[in-house]
Amino acid sequence: MVKFLKITAAIVLLLLVFYFGFFKYRQIQANRVLIPVTTQALFKINVDELYKTIAVSYVKHPSQYSGTDKKGIEEKIADLNTGLKIPANIYIYGLKGQAKNTFFSRLEIVDSLAFKRFILKKLSLIKKDTNFFQSTDSTFCLLLNKTSVAIAFSPKKVAVKTFLANILNQKNMVKIGDSKFNQLADLSDHMSYQDAENLSKLNFTDGKINFSNEFVNRWLEPAAQPKHRILNPESTISMWLNGTFKPALVKKNTAVSAAVFSKNNFFKFYKGYLDFEWTNTVKQMDTVVSYEYNDDFEQVEKKAARARNIPGISINMSANDQEVSNYLKSSGSLDQSTGKISTTVIPLYQVYFKGNNGNIQLSTLPNAKPDFKMESADDFFYFKVDFKKLFKQMSFLTVSDNLNIFSQLEMHAKSIGKDKIKLESELLFVNQDANSLIQLLKQLRNGLGNSLELNFKYNIDVPISK
């Protein structure tokens, strides 16, 4: 028995060494990939890390990936036979001198016949010249030889054939590990992006997507020691911002507007703090005016009270409350005796105004009492939305149908140096067992229906409803 266990342990150890050694070798090879020297933006898809994450999810929750595709193995292999070699990392780059949002890539071909069959039948590309193919709208183009293919995609028609030829023949290229994007090469995140002002990371795990972005800050001065009001943790939506806007942004929004709640007025009165809170749904009484004819055929006005559910919203902002109050009264937007904002200014809901001690509040709750007690925080910005509560409280039918796989989104941002901000977010799914990327693919396939099936027919096992 002991001998059997030793042999089993040795086999498992050898398999693990082979497993990690194989992926390590692929990553080393991937870091030797060449990119154009004129690359100014680089997007990386870490194929191996995605494979490993989804494989672990499959082992942990196999029931989430069963019964969703009735095709046999042979049919699936035939569908996925692109003729391309899938590397450890796929790099997509934007080049200096090219149109905005135009990106390129290069991949190796292992079966030229299968690849040509794939681009003609599956992608429906049109052959325009020797080894040059493009989509009907010319936004997706590729140039190939027997061993490789260079790819370009752009939101509009642009001339890319010369660039594709240089990429295909690897002219004016540099190893990614020796370039200014060497930091990106070492990241293990599922997807990442880098340009002169951004470093973004994206990861897909079971029931969750994590996103972070470090970027140059040109529009906000975060508070040196951030603070915020204590908001209700059970709120449907909550947000706070503690910082001032830079003069350049304020200057862009100085145009005078007739609207009471305009960008110009916001920047004029805002004093460094703002929060928003949707706590629940409340009933609000409205007066509905209709007209009827009496026995003398005279039109008579008739009023009736109507109760309807509206969001219980409160917006609190640091401002000179007396100046704001005087402005609202002078514009005829505020009934001082009741605190009501005129329905001609905000017609959707009845909103109430309160102001004291350098703070103002706008709320759909007539008895809301502003509490401006503050607590310290590491972040100068925070945002959270509970999708399950949102869909339950309000009938956003179209939005709900598209977003009902999500349960919560949470975002926060902090300063990480002079003129630099780090934004982090977490998107939670209702189904916490299936991988989030697979769930997105399922939603995409269901949402776009026949158009995806017609153009790509890309089949992948997707999770069943939980």
Protein backbone atom coordinates (compact mmCIF):
# COMPACT_ATOMS: atom_id res chain seq x y z
CA MET A 1 0.00 0.00 0.00
CA VAL A 2 2.82 2.38 0.95
CA LYS A 3 4.61 1.58 -2.31
CA PHE A 4 1.45 2.30 -4.29
CA LEU A 5 1.02 5.68 -2.56
CA LYS A 6 4.64 6.60 -3.27
CA ILE A 7 4.25 5.72 -6.95
CA THR A 8 1.00 7.70 -7.15
CA ALA A 9 2.59 10.71 -5.44
CA ALA A 10 5.57 10.56 -7.83
CA ILE A 11 3.26 10.45 -10.87
CA VAL A 12 1.21 13.40 -9.60
CA LEU A 13 4.41 15.36 -8.90
CA LEU A 14 5.75 14.67 -12.40
CA LEU A 15 2.44 15.74 -13.94
CA LEU A 16 2.50 19.00 -11.95
CA VAL A 17 6.09 19.69 -12.99
CA PHE A 18 5.18 19.05 -16.61
CA TYR A 19 2.03 21.19 -16.33
CA PHE A 20 3.72 24.24 -14.84
CA GLY A 21 6.84 23.75 -16.94
CA PHE A 22 4.79 23.66 -20.13
CA PHE A 23 2.98 26.92 -19.36
CA LYS A 24 6.19 28.57 -18.14
CA TYR A 25 7.89 27.68 -21.43
CA ARG A 26 4.96 29.14 -23.39
CA GLN A 27 5.17 32.39 -21.42
CA ILE A 28 8.93 32.66 -22.04
CA GLN A 29 8.31 32.18 -25.74
CA ALA A 30 5.48 34.73 -25.64
CA ASN A 31 7.80 37.40 -24.21
CA ARG A 32 9.98 37.03 -27.30
CA VAL A 33 7.12 38.14 -29.53
CA LEU A 34 7.96 41.10 -31.76
CA ILE A 35 5.83 44.24 -31.89
CA PRO A 36 6.25 47.31 -34.15
CA VAL A 37 8.62 49.98 -32.79
CA THR A 38 5.87 52.55 -33.45
CA THR A 39 3.48 50.82 -31.04
CA GLN A 40 1.83 53.39 -28.77
CA ALA A 41 -0.93 51.24 -27.26
CA LEU A 42 -0.80 47.52 -26.47
CA PHE A 43 -3.59 45.13 -25.49
CA LYS A 44 -2.69 41.68 -24.15
CA ILE A 45 -4.91 38.59 -23.87
CA ASN A 46 -3.31 36.00 -21.58
CA VAL A 47 -4.70 32.86 -23.21
CA ASP A 48 -2.94 30.40 -20.89
CA GLU A 49 -4.16 32.09 -17.70
CA LEU A 50 -7.71 32.12 -19.07
CA TYR A 51 -7.42 28.42 -19.94
CA LYS A 52 -6.21 27.58 -16.44
CA THR A 53 -8.86 29.65 -14.67
CA ILE A 54 -11.73 28.18 -16.70
CA ALA A 55 -10.31 24.65 -16.29
CA VAL A 56 -10.26 25.02 -12.50
CA SER A 57 -13.83 26.34 -12.61
CA TYR A 58 -14.88 23.33 -14.68
CA VAL A 59 -13.33 20.93 -12.16
CA LYS A 60 -14.99 22.70 -9.21
CA HIS A 61 -18.43 23.14 -10.82
CA PRO A 62 -18.84 20.68 -13.71
CA SER A 63 -22.64 20.92 -13.61
CA GLN A 64 -22.38 24.57 -14.71
CA TYR A 65 -20.90 23.55 -18.05
CA SER A 66 -23.01 20.54 -18.96
CA GLY A 67 -26.01 20.07 -21.21
CA THR A 68 -25.67 23.40 -23.03
CA ASP A 69 -24.38 22.17 -26.38
CA LYS A 70 -25.64 19.01 -28.05
CA LYS A 71 -22.97 18.93 -30.76
CA GLY A 72 -20.59 16.02 -30.86
CA ILE A 73 -16.85 16.29 -30.35
CA GLU A 74 -16.09 15.94 -34.06
CA GLU A 75 -18.46 18.78 -34.94
CA LYS A 76 -16.97 21.04 -32.25
CA ILE A 77 -13.42 20.38 -33.46
CA ALA A 78 -14.48 21.13 -37.03
CA ASP A 79 -16.09 24.42 -35.95
CA LEU A 80 -13.00 25.52 -34.00
CA ASN A 81 -10.45 24.54 -36.65
CA THR A 82 -9.24 28.02 -37.58
CA GLY A 83 -5.86 26.84 -38.82
CA LEU A 84 -4.14 29.24 -36.42
CA LYS A 85 -1.61 28.52 -33.70
CA ILE A 86 -2.94 29.87 -30.42
CA PRO A 87 -0.02 31.42 -28.48
CA ALA A 88 0.30 31.86 -24.72
CA ASN A 89 -0.46 35.58 -25.17
CA ILE A 90 -2.18 37.42 -27.97
CA TYR A 91 -0.95 40.99 -28.49
CA ILE A 92 -3.01 43.66 -30.24
CA TYR A 93 -1.37 47.01 -30.89
CA GLY A 94 -2.23 50.55 -31.90
CA LEU A 95 0.40 52.30 -34.00
CA LYS A 96 1.62 55.88 -34.13
CA GLY A 97 0.35 57.67 -37.22
CA GLN A 98 -2.66 55.40 -37.63
CA ALA A 99 -6.31 56.39 -37.27
CA LYS A 100 -7.72 56.34 -33.73
CA ASN A 101 -9.04 52.95 -32.58
CA THR A 102 -7.27 51.13 -35.42
CA PHE A 103 -5.50 48.02 -34.11
CA PHE A 104 -3.21 45.34 -35.54
CA SER A 105 -2.03 41.87 -34.61
CA ARG A 106 0.01 38.98 -36.02
CA LEU A 107 -0.53 35.23 -35.58
CA GLU A 108 1.10 32.08 -36.90
CA ILE A 109 -0.69 29.71 -39.30
CA VAL A 110 -0.35 25.94 -38.81
CA ASP A 111 -2.81 24.86 -41.52
CA SER A 112 -3.12 27.29 -44.43
CA LEU A 113 -5.98 25.41 -46.11
CA ALA A 114 -8.03 25.33 -42.89
CA PHE A 115 -7.33 29.01 -42.27
CA LYS A 116 -8.44 30.09 -45.76
CA ARG A 117 -11.56 27.99 -45.37
CA PHE A 118 -12.20 29.66 -42.03
CA ILE A 119 -11.85 33.26 -43.28
CA LEU A 120 -13.97 32.64 -46.38
CA LYS A 121 -16.75 30.52 -44.90
CA LYS A 122 -16.86 31.45 -41.23
CA LEU A 123 -15.78 35.11 -41.34
CA SER A 124 -17.23 35.73 -44.82
CA LEU A 125 -14.25 37.84 -45.90
CA ILE A 126 -13.74 38.87 -49.53
CA LYS A 127 -10.50 38.27 -51.42
CA LYS A 128 -9.36 41.65 -52.77
CA ASP A 129 -5.83 40.86 -53.89
CA THR A 130 -3.20 38.12 -53.64
CA ASN A 131 -3.34 36.93 -50.02
CA PHE A 132 -5.28 40.10 -49.01
CA PHE A 133 -8.81 39.74 -47.60
CA GLN A 134 -11.28 42.16 -46.04
CA SER A 135 -14.84 42.44 -44.78
CA THR A 136 -17.58 43.96 -46.92
CA ASP A 137 -17.31 47.29 -45.04
CA SER A 138 -13.46 47.22 -45.17
CA THR A 139 -13.12 47.58 -41.39
CA PHE A 140 -11.54 44.13 -40.92
CA CYS A 141 -8.55 43.27 -43.12
CA LEU A 142 -5.84 40.64 -43.19
CA LEU A 143 -2.74 39.87 -45.21
CA LEU A 144 -1.19 36.41 -45.09
CA ASN A 145 1.57 34.17 -46.35
CA LYS A 146 2.08 30.42 -45.85
CA THR A 147 3.15 30.72 -42.19
CA SER A 148 1.62 33.90 -40.73
CA VAL A 149 -1.22 36.39 -40.93
CA ALA A 150 -1.29 40.12 -40.10
CA ILE A 151 -4.67 41.47 -39.01
CA ALA A 152 -6.13 45.00 -38.86
CA PHE A 153 -9.48 46.19 -37.55
CA SER A 154 -10.87 49.71 -37.41
CA PRO A 155 -14.28 51.32 -36.83
CA LYS A 156 -14.04 52.98 -40.24
CA LYS A 157 -12.41 52.29 -43.60
CA VAL A 158 -8.67 53.14 -43.54
CA ALA A 159 -5.66 52.25 -45.70
CA VAL A 160 -3.76 49.54 -43.80
CA LYS A 161 -2.22 47.24 -46.42
CA THR A 162 1.28 48.78 -46.21
CA PHE A 163 1.25 48.48 -42.41
CA LEU A 164 0.04 44.89 -42.66
CA ALA A 165 2.90 44.02 -45.03
CA ASN A 166 5.47 45.43 -42.58
CA ILE A 167 3.91 43.53 -39.67
CA LEU A 168 3.68 40.30 -41.67
CA ASN A 169 7.35 40.54 -42.68
CA GLN A 170 8.34 41.76 -39.18
CA LYS A 171 10.00 44.94 -40.36
CA ASN A 172 10.92 47.63 -37.80
CA MET A 173 9.99 45.39 -34.87
CA VAL A 174 11.25 44.99 -31.29
CA LYS A 175 10.90 42.24 -28.67
CA ILE A 176 8.13 43.11 -26.26
CA GLY A 177 10.45 42.33 -23.35
CA ASP A 178 12.88 44.98 -24.64
CA SER A 179 10.22 47.61 -25.34
CA LYS A 180 8.53 50.23 -23.17
CA PHE A 181 5.75 47.67 -22.68
CA ASN A 182 7.96 45.17 -20.82
CA GLN A 183 5.82 45.67 -17.69
CA LEU A 184 2.80 44.37 -19.60
CA ALA A 185 4.73 41.28 -20.70
CA ASP A 186 5.22 40.15 -17.09
CA LEU A 187 1.59 40.57 -15.98
CA SER A 188 -0.42 37.40 -15.29
CA ASP A 189 -3.82 39.11 -15.56
CA HIS A 190 -6.29 37.65 -18.04
CA MET A 191 -6.39 40.86 -20.07
CA SER A 192 -4.31 44.01 -19.81
CA TYR A 193 -3.80 47.26 -21.68
CA GLN A 194 -1.12 49.95 -21.65
CA ASP A 195 -0.61 53.27 -23.37
CA ALA A 196 1.10 56.53 -22.41
CA GLU A 197 -1.54 57.38 -19.80
CA ASN A 198 -3.16 54.08 -18.78
CA LEU A 199 -2.34 50.67 -17.32
CA SER A 200 -5.47 48.50 -17.15
CA LYS A 201 -6.03 44.95 -15.86
CA LEU A 202 -9.05 42.67 -16.23
CA ASN A 203 -9.66 39.25 -14.62
CA PHE A 204 -12.54 36.77 -14.95
CA THR A 205 -13.17 34.41 -12.03
CA ASP A 206 -16.20 32.45 -10.87
CA GLY A 207 -19.11 34.88 -10.54
CA LYS A 208 -16.90 37.97 -10.60
CA ILE A 209 -15.01 40.36 -12.88
CA ASN A 210 -12.24 42.51 -11.42
CA PHE A 211 -11.02 45.59 -13.28
CA SER A 212 -8.36 48.14 -12.37
CA ASN A 213 -6.92 51.12 -14.19
CA GLU A 214 -4.06 53.43 -13.29
CA PHE A 215 -4.31 56.60 -15.34
CA VAL A 216 -3.12 60.18 -15.65
CA ASN A 217 -5.52 62.56 -13.93
CA ARG A 218 -6.20 65.77 -15.83
CA TRP A 219 -9.52 66.90 -14.37
CA LEU A 220 -9.71 66.37 -10.59
CA GLU A 221 -7.82 67.28 -7.43
CA PRO A 222 -8.61 64.51 -4.91
CA ALA A 223 -8.87 65.53 -1.28
CA ALA A 224 -5.57 65.09 0.55
CA GLN A 225 -7.39 63.33 3.40
CA PRO A 226 -10.65 62.00 1.92
CA LYS A 227 -13.83 61.93 3.98
CA HIS A 228 -17.42 61.02 3.24
CA ARG A 229 -20.83 60.89 4.84
CA ILE A 230 -21.84 57.57 6.38
CA LEU A 231 -24.22 56.16 3.78
CA ASN A 232 -26.71 53.34 4.21
CA PRO A 233 -24.90 50.07 3.25
CA GLU A 234 -28.26 48.63 2.12
CA SER A 235 -28.85 51.38 -0.45
CA THR A 236 -29.84 50.46 -3.98
CA ILE A 237 -27.31 52.97 -5.36
CA SER A 238 -24.75 55.01 -3.45
CA MET A 239 -21.92 57.30 -4.50
CA TRP A 240 -19.61 59.89 -3.04
CA LEU A 241 -16.90 62.16 -4.39
CA ASN A 242 -14.43 64.18 -2.29
CA GLY A 243 -12.27 66.44 -4.45
CA THR A 244 -12.23 69.64 -6.47
CA PHE A 245 -12.24 70.00 -10.24
CA LYS A 246 -9.20 71.43 -11.97
CA PRO A 247 -9.52 74.92 -13.52
CA ALA A 248 -9.13 73.56 -17.07
CA LEU A 249 -12.26 71.43 -16.71
CA VAL A 250 -14.22 74.23 -15.04
CA LYS A 251 -13.22 76.61 -17.83
CA LYS A 252 -14.66 74.21 -20.43
CA ASN A 253 -18.03 74.35 -18.68
CA THR A 254 -18.48 78.08 -18.16
CA ALA A 255 -21.03 78.52 -20.95
CA VAL A 256 -24.13 80.17 -19.48
CA SER A 257 -27.24 78.01 -19.69
CA ALA A 258 -30.88 78.85 -19.07
CA ALA A 259 -31.27 75.53 -17.23
CA VAL A 260 -31.32 75.85 -13.45
CA PHE A 261 -29.38 72.63 -12.91
CA SER A 262 -26.71 73.23 -15.56
CA LYS A 263 -23.03 72.23 -15.60
CA ASN A 264 -22.10 75.90 -15.25
CA ASN A 265 -24.17 76.26 -12.06
CA PHE A 266 -22.82 72.98 -10.68
CA PHE A 267 -19.20 74.13 -10.99
CA LYS A 268 -20.18 77.55 -9.66
CA PHE A 269 -21.66 76.24 -6.39
CA TYR A 270 -19.77 72.96 -5.84
CA LYS A 271 -17.31 73.14 -2.90
CA GLY A 272 -15.45 69.82 -2.92
CA TYR A 273 -17.93 67.15 -1.79
CA LEU A 274 -20.91 65.38 -3.37
CA ASP A 275 -22.84 62.21 -2.58
CA PHE A 276 -25.87 60.42 -3.99
CA GLU A 277 -28.03 57.81 -2.31
CA TRP A 278 -31.04 55.79 -3.49
CA THR A 279 -32.25 54.05 -0.37
CA ASN A 280 -35.55 52.46 -1.43
CA THR A 281 -38.81 53.06 -3.28
CA VAL A 282 -41.36 55.47 -1.77
CA LYS A 283 -44.89 56.53 -2.64
CA GLN A 284 -45.46 60.05 -3.88
CA MET A 285 -48.87 61.66 -4.35
CA ASP A 286 -49.45 63.50 -7.61
CA THR A 287 -52.39 65.57 -8.76
CA VAL A 288 -53.73 64.50 -12.13
CA VAL A 289 -55.72 67.14 -14.01
CA SER A 290 -58.34 66.09 -16.55
CA TYR A 291 -61.30 67.82 -18.21
CA GLU A 292 -64.93 66.77 -18.55
CA TYR A 293 -68.05 68.31 -20.04
CA ASN A 294 -71.01 69.14 -17.80
CA ASP A 295 -74.69 69.07 -18.76
CA ASP A 296 -74.34 72.50 -20.35
CA PHE A 297 -71.48 71.22 -22.53
CA GLU A 298 -68.99 73.36 -20.65
CA GLN A 299 -65.47 72.08 -20.11
CA VAL A 300 -64.83 71.54 -16.39
CA GLU A 301 -61.47 70.89 -14.78
CA LYS A 302 -61.27 67.77 -12.63
CA LYS A 303 -58.43 66.96 -10.25
CA ALA A 304 -57.64 63.58 -8.78
CA ALA A 305 -54.90 62.35 -6.45
CA ARG A 306 -52.68 59.57 -7.73
CA ALA A 307 -50.13 57.54 -5.75
CA ARG A 308 -47.08 56.17 -7.56
CA ASN A 309 -43.81 54.52 -6.59
CA ILE A 310 -40.67 56.60 -7.10
CA PRO A 311 -37.04 56.16 -6.03
CA GLY A 312 -36.15 57.52 -2.61
CA ILE A 313 -33.20 59.67 -3.70
CA SER A 314 -31.07 62.13 -1.76
CA ILE A 315 -28.24 64.25 -3.21
CA ASN A 316 -25.99 66.07 -0.74
CA MET A 317 -23.35 68.61 -1.71
CA SER A 318 -20.96 71.00 0.01
CA ALA A 319 -21.95 74.50 -1.14
CA ASN A 320 -22.80 77.97 0.11
CA ASP A 321 -26.39 77.05 1.03
CA GLN A 322 -27.55 80.67 1.23
CA GLU A 323 -26.26 81.47 -2.26
CA VAL A 324 -27.91 78.37 -3.73
CA SER A 325 -31.19 79.13 -1.94
CA ASN A 326 -31.19 82.74 -3.17
CA TYR A 327 -30.47 81.60 -6.73
CA LEU A 328 -33.30 79.07 -6.71
CA LYS A 329 -35.75 81.62 -5.30
CA SER A 330 -34.73 84.35 -7.74
CA SER A 331 -35.20 81.98 -10.68
CA GLY A 332 -38.66 81.01 -9.44
CA SER A 333 -37.57 77.42 -8.93
CA LEU A 334 -38.07 77.15 -5.15
CA ASP A 335 -41.18 77.49 -2.98
CA GLN A 336 -39.57 78.74 0.22
CA SER A 337 -42.54 77.85 2.43
CA THR A 338 -42.62 74.17 1.43
CA GLY A 339 -39.07 73.62 0.19
CA LYS A 340 -40.43 72.21 -3.06
CA ILE A 341 -38.52 72.55 -6.31
CA SER A 342 -40.79 73.62 -9.16
CA THR A 343 -42.02 70.74 -11.32
CA THR A 344 -41.20 72.84 -14.39
CA VAL A 345 -37.53 72.44 -13.39
CA ILE A 346 -37.70 68.76 -12.38
CA PRO A 347 -40.93 67.38 -13.88
CA LEU A 348 -40.37 63.67 -13.24
CA TYR A 349 -40.54 63.68 -9.41
CA GLN A 350 -41.37 66.15 -6.67
CA VAL A 351 -38.00 67.18 -5.21
CA TYR A 352 -37.39 69.04 -1.92
CA PHE A 353 -34.54 71.44 -1.11
CA LYS A 354 -32.81 71.91 2.23
CA GLY A 355 -29.68 73.85 3.10
CA ASN A 356 -27.65 74.63 6.21
CA ASN A 357 -24.08 74.97 7.51
CA GLY A 358 -22.44 75.02 4.07
CA ASN A 359 -24.34 72.03 2.72
CA ILE A 360 -27.39 71.54 0.49
CA GLN A 361 -29.70 68.59 -0.10
CA LEU A 362 -32.05 67.71 -2.93
CA SER A 363 -34.33 64.78 -2.14
CA THR A 364 -37.55 63.06 -3.19
CA LEU A 365 -38.13 62.39 0.53
CA PRO A 366 -40.00 65.37 2.10
CA ASN A 367 -38.82 64.55 5.63
CA ALA A 368 -35.21 63.69 4.84
CA LYS A 369 -32.88 65.09 7.48
CA PRO A 370 -29.35 65.85 6.27
CA ASP A 371 -26.71 64.24 8.43
CA PHE A 372 -23.31 65.63 7.51
CA LYS A 373 -21.24 63.62 9.97
CA MET A 374 -18.12 62.52 8.06
CA GLU A 375 -15.70 59.60 8.35
CA SER A 376 -12.19 59.21 6.92
CA ALA A 377 -11.45 56.98 3.91
CA ASP A 378 -8.55 55.92 1.71
CA ASP A 379 -10.58 56.57 -1.45
CA PHE A 380 -11.82 59.94 -2.72
CA PHE A 381 -14.49 58.30 -4.93
CA TYR A 382 -16.91 55.44 -4.34
CA PHE A 383 -19.84 54.02 -6.30
CA LYS A 384 -22.07 50.99 -5.74
CA VAL A 385 -25.23 49.68 -7.41
CA ASP A 386 -27.23 46.66 -6.26
CA PHE A 387 -28.76 45.39 -9.51
CA LYS A 388 -31.13 42.95 -7.81
CA LYS A 389 -32.70 45.75 -5.74
CA LEU A 390 -32.67 48.11 -8.70
CA PHE A 391 -34.61 45.71 -10.95
CA LYS A 392 -37.02 44.88 -8.14
CA GLN A 393 -37.77 48.50 -7.31
CA MET A 394 -38.05 49.90 -10.81
CA SER A 395 -39.38 48.38 -14.01
CA PHE A 396 -36.43 49.04 -16.32
CA LEU A 397 -37.57 46.20 -18.52
CA THR A 398 -35.12 46.59 -21.39
CA VAL A 399 -32.12 47.20 -19.14
CA SER A 400 -33.13 44.45 -16.72
CA ASP A 401 -33.37 41.88 -19.51
CA ASN A 402 -29.79 42.64 -20.55
CA LEU A 403 -28.28 42.93 -17.08
CA ASN A 404 -30.15 40.33 -15.05
CA ILE A 405 -27.02 38.15 -14.78
CA PHE A 406 -25.37 40.82 -12.60
CA SER A 407 -25.97 41.29 -8.88
CA GLN A 408 -23.70 44.20 -7.86
CA LEU A 409 -21.14 46.68 -9.17
CA GLU A 410 -18.72 48.40 -6.80
CA MET A 411 -16.07 50.98 -7.77
CA HIS A 412 -13.59 53.09 -5.82
CA ALA A 413 -10.71 55.38 -6.72
CA LYS A 414 -7.73 56.85 -4.89
CA SER A 415 -4.79 59.08 -5.65
CA ILE A 416 -1.49 57.18 -6.14
CA GLY A 417 0.80 60.13 -6.79
CA LYS A 418 0.86 63.52 -8.43
CA ASP A 419 -1.77 63.63 -11.18
CA LYS A 420 -2.31 59.87 -11.06
CA ILE A 421 -5.39 57.89 -10.03
CA LYS A 422 -6.07 54.19 -9.50
CA LEU A 423 -9.62 53.05 -10.18
CA GLU A 424 -10.70 49.57 -9.05
CA SER A 425 -14.02 47.88 -9.66
CA GLU A 426 -15.71 44.57 -8.94
CA LEU A 427 -18.70 43.27 -10.89
CA LEU A 428 -20.56 40.40 -9.18
CA PHE A 429 -22.82 37.91 -10.95
CA VAL A 430 -25.98 36.26 -9.66
CA ASN A 431 -24.44 32.89 -10.52
CA GLN A 432 -21.35 32.62 -8.33
CA ASP A 433 -20.27 29.17 -9.59
CA ALA A 434 -19.70 29.63 -13.34
CA ASN A 435 -16.79 31.61 -14.77
CA SER A 436 -17.80 35.20 -15.49
CA LEU A 437 -16.35 35.24 -19.02
CA ILE A 438 -18.35 32.15 -19.97
CA GLN A 439 -21.48 33.77 -18.55
CA LEU A 440 -20.83 36.90 -20.63
CA LEU A 441 -20.40 34.80 -23.77
CA LYS A 442 -23.69 33.06 -23.06
CA GLN A 443 -25.46 36.39 -22.56
CA LEU A 444 -23.90 37.75 -25.73
CA ARG A 445 -25.00 34.73 -27.71
CA ASN A 446 -28.53 34.87 -26.31
CA GLY A 447 -28.78 38.64 -26.71
CA LEU A 448 -27.55 38.85 -30.28
CA GLY A 449 -29.28 35.64 -31.33
CA ASN A 450 -29.18 34.63 -34.95
CA SER A 451 -26.69 37.29 -36.09
CA LEU A 452 -23.86 35.71 -34.10
CA GLU A 453 -24.89 32.21 -35.10
CA LEU A 454 -25.00 33.23 -38.77
CA ASN A 455 -21.68 35.06 -38.89
CA PHE A 456 -19.47 33.10 -36.54
CA LYS A 457 -21.18 29.94 -35.30
CA TYR A 458 -18.60 29.89 -32.52
CA ASN A 459 -19.66 27.22 -30.06
CA ILE A 460 -18.50 26.96 -26.49
CA ASP A 461 -19.91 25.21 -23.45
CA VAL A 462 -21.78 27.79 -21.38
CA PRO A 463 -23.21 27.50 -17.87
CA ILE A 464 -26.77 26.48 -17.20
CA SER A 465 -29.01 28.79 -15.26
CA LYS A 466 -28.45 28.54 -11.60
